[in-house]
Amino acid sequence: MRASGSWTVSRSRVARPSAIATFDRAYGRRNFDTAVALNNLAAIYQQRGERARAAAAYARALTIKKALLAPDHPSIARTAANLRTLNLEP
């Protein structure tokens, strides 16, 4: 495990894409809870250095949120900022 800030990332037990498949089945592919789970998964991928996977998860979360929420909703801004931050990393 690797400590990062106030939480720990385990390479073997965290960030399972099957969890997103479960959200998709339970709530649908365009559900706010699915978008939140994608955003959280993207943050874990980012922390682990998996930039391509993080970008894909942030982008999907952002697409869902834009479809469901008002354009000025703070959740859209947070996910967009997360994606921009990822893109600014060296």
C-alpha atoms as a PDB file:
ATOM      1  CA  MET A   1       0.000   0.000   0.000  1.00  0.00           C
ATOM      2  CA  ARG A   2       1.017   3.564  -0.586  1.00  0.00           C
ATOM      3  CA  ALA A   3      -0.029   6.395   1.704  1.00  0.00           C
ATOM      4  CA  SER A   4      -1.278   9.518   0.013  1.00  0.00           C
ATOM      5  CA  GLY A   5      -2.567  12.417   2.053  1.00  0.00           C
ATOM      6  CA  SER A   6      -5.114  11.128   4.519  1.00  0.00           C
ATOM      7  CA  TRP A   7      -6.040   7.944   2.676  1.00  0.00           C
ATOM      8  CA  THR A   8      -4.268   4.842   1.432  1.00  0.00           C
ATOM      9  CA  VAL A   9      -4.298   3.380  -2.067  1.00  0.00           C
ATOM     10  CA  SER A  10      -4.039  -0.395  -2.388  1.00  0.00           C
ATOM     11  CA  ARG A  11      -3.075  -1.627  -5.824  1.00  0.00           C
ATOM     12  CA  SER A  12      -4.809  -4.957  -5.341  1.00  0.00           C
ATOM     13  CA  ARG A  13      -8.137  -4.034  -3.783  1.00  0.00           C
ATOM     14  CA  VAL A  14      -9.108  -0.503  -4.826  1.00  0.00           C
ATOM     15  CA  ALA A  15     -10.544   0.887  -8.037  1.00  0.00           C
ATOM     16  CA  ARG A  16     -12.225  -2.120  -9.521  1.00  0.00           C
ATOM     17  CA  PRO A  17     -13.968  -1.319 -12.800  1.00  0.00           C
ATOM     18  CA  SER A  18     -16.541  -3.987 -11.897  1.00  0.00           C
ATOM     19  CA  ALA A  19     -17.876  -1.576  -9.285  1.00  0.00           C
ATOM     20  CA  ILE A  20     -18.769   0.847 -12.072  1.00  0.00           C
ATOM     21  CA  ALA A  21     -20.483  -1.971 -13.966  1.00  0.00           C
ATOM     22  CA  THR A  22     -22.529  -2.621 -10.833  1.00  0.00           C
ATOM     23  CA  PHE A  23     -23.538   1.060 -10.663  1.00  0.00           C
ATOM     24  CA  ASP A  24     -24.424   0.966 -14.363  1.00  0.00           C
ATOM     25  CA  ARG A  25     -26.690  -2.037 -13.829  1.00  0.00           C
ATOM     26  CA  ALA A  26     -28.253  -0.750 -10.622  1.00  0.00           C
ATOM     27  CA  TYR A  27     -28.764   2.915 -11.510  1.00  0.00           C
ATOM     28  CA  GLY A  28     -28.214   3.171 -15.258  1.00  0.00           C
ATOM     29  CA  ARG A  29     -25.343   4.569 -17.287  1.00  0.00           C
ATOM     30  CA  ARG A  30     -26.594   8.151 -16.925  1.00  0.00           C
ATOM     31  CA  ASN A  31     -27.178   8.409 -13.195  1.00  0.00           C
ATOM     32  CA  PHE A  32     -25.671  10.956 -10.818  1.00  0.00           C
ATOM     33  CA  ASP A  33     -24.486   8.254  -8.397  1.00  0.00           C
ATOM     34  CA  THR A  34     -22.707   6.519 -11.261  1.00  0.00           C
ATOM     35  CA  ALA A  35     -21.034   9.827 -12.156  1.00  0.00           C
ATOM     36  CA  VAL A  36     -19.873  10.313  -8.559  1.00  0.00           C
ATOM     37  CA  ALA A  37     -18.446   6.782  -8.480  1.00  0.00           C
ATOM     38  CA  LEU A  38     -16.638   7.452 -11.780  1.00  0.00           C
ATOM     39  CA  ASN A  39     -15.185  10.683 -10.420  1.00  0.00           C
ATOM     40  CA  ASN A  40     -13.937   8.857  -7.321  1.00  0.00           C
ATOM     41  CA  LEU A  41     -12.507   6.037  -9.416  1.00  0.00           C
ATOM     42  CA  ALA A  42     -10.745   8.587 -11.633  1.00  0.00           C
ATOM     43  CA  ALA A  43      -9.156  10.192  -8.566  1.00  0.00           C
ATOM     44  CA  ILE A  44      -7.784   6.813  -7.513  1.00  0.00           C
ATOM     45  CA  TYR A  45      -6.440   6.150 -11.009  1.00  0.00           C
ATOM     46  CA  GLN A  46      -4.839   9.601 -10.979  1.00  0.00           C
ATOM     47  CA  GLN A  47      -3.193   8.937  -7.627  1.00  0.00           C
ATOM     48  CA  ARG A  48      -1.857   5.637  -8.964  1.00  0.00           C
ATOM     49  CA  GLY A  49      -0.422   7.339 -12.042  1.00  0.00           C
ATOM     50  CA  GLU A  50      -2.871   5.737 -14.463  1.00  0.00           C
ATOM     51  CA  ARG A  51      -3.522   8.935 -16.411  1.00  0.00           C
ATOM     52  CA  ALA A  52      -5.361   7.463 -19.405  1.00  0.00           C
ATOM     53  CA  ARG A  53      -7.796   5.565 -17.195  1.00  0.00           C
ATOM     54  CA  ALA A  54      -8.275   8.628 -14.984  1.00  0.00           C
ATOM     55  CA  ALA A  55      -8.980  10.859 -17.979  1.00  0.00           C
ATOM     56  CA  ALA A  56     -11.536   8.418 -19.380  1.00  0.00           C
ATOM     57  CA  ALA A  57     -13.355   8.113 -16.047  1.00  0.00           C
ATOM     58  CA  TYR A  58     -13.360  11.895 -15.440  1.00  0.00           C
ATOM     59  CA  ALA A  59     -14.615  12.495 -18.988  1.00  0.00           C
ATOM     60  CA  ARG A  60     -17.465  10.016 -18.614  1.00  0.00           C
ATOM     61  CA  ALA A  61     -18.408  11.461 -15.213  1.00  0.00           C
ATOM     62  CA  LEU A  62     -18.412  14.950 -16.686  1.00  0.00           C
ATOM     63  CA  THR A  63     -20.582  13.896 -19.634  1.00  0.00           C
ATOM     64  CA  ILE A  64     -23.144  12.331 -17.293  1.00  0.00           C
ATOM     65  CA  LYS A  65     -23.204  15.340 -14.970  1.00  0.00           C
ATOM     66  CA  LYS A  66     -23.622  17.769 -17.880  1.00  0.00           C
ATOM     67  CA  ALA A  67     -26.603  15.753 -19.092  1.00  0.00           C
ATOM     68  CA  LEU A  68     -28.282  15.715 -15.685  1.00  0.00           C
ATOM     69  CA  LEU A  69     -27.413  18.978 -13.947  1.00  0.00           C
ATOM     70  CA  ALA A  70     -27.679  22.702 -14.558  1.00  0.00           C
ATOM     71  CA  PRO A  71     -24.613  24.108 -16.363  1.00  0.00           C
ATOM     72  CA  ASP A  72     -23.511  26.061 -13.292  1.00  0.00           C
ATOM     73  CA  HIS A  73     -23.833  23.147 -10.843  1.00  0.00           C
ATOM     74  CA  PRO A  74     -20.806  22.865  -8.513  1.00  0.00           C
ATOM     75  CA  SER A  75     -20.427  19.148  -9.182  1.00  0.00           C
ATOM     76  CA  ILE A  76     -19.800  19.843 -12.872  1.00  0.00           C
ATOM     77  CA  ALA A  77     -17.205  22.440 -11.944  1.00  0.00           C
ATOM     78  CA  ARG A  78     -15.436  20.034  -9.574  1.00  0.00           C
ATOM     79  CA  THR A  79     -15.197  17.232 -12.110  1.00  0.00           C
ATOM     80  CA  ALA A  80     -14.080  19.633 -14.861  1.00  0.00           C
ATOM     81  CA  ALA A  81     -11.402  21.005 -12.517  1.00  0.00           C
ATOM     82  CA  ASN A  82     -10.252  17.473 -11.710  1.00  0.00           C
ATOM     83  CA  LEU A  83      -9.879  16.725 -15.412  1.00  0.00           C
ATOM     84  CA  ARG A  84      -8.006  20.002 -16.028  1.00  0.00           C
ATOM     85  CA  THR A  85      -5.666  19.267 -13.128  1.00  0.00           C
ATOM     86  CA  LEU A  86      -4.958  15.820 -14.543  1.00  0.00           C
ATOM     87  CA  ASN A  87      -4.175  17.344 -17.936  1.00  0.00           C
ATOM     88  CA  LEU A  88      -1.788  19.871 -16.351  1.00  0.00           C
ATOM     89  CA  GLU A  89       0.270  17.222 -14.563  1.00  0.00           C
ATOM     90  CA  PRO A  90       3.653  16.473 -16.169  1.00  0.00           C
END
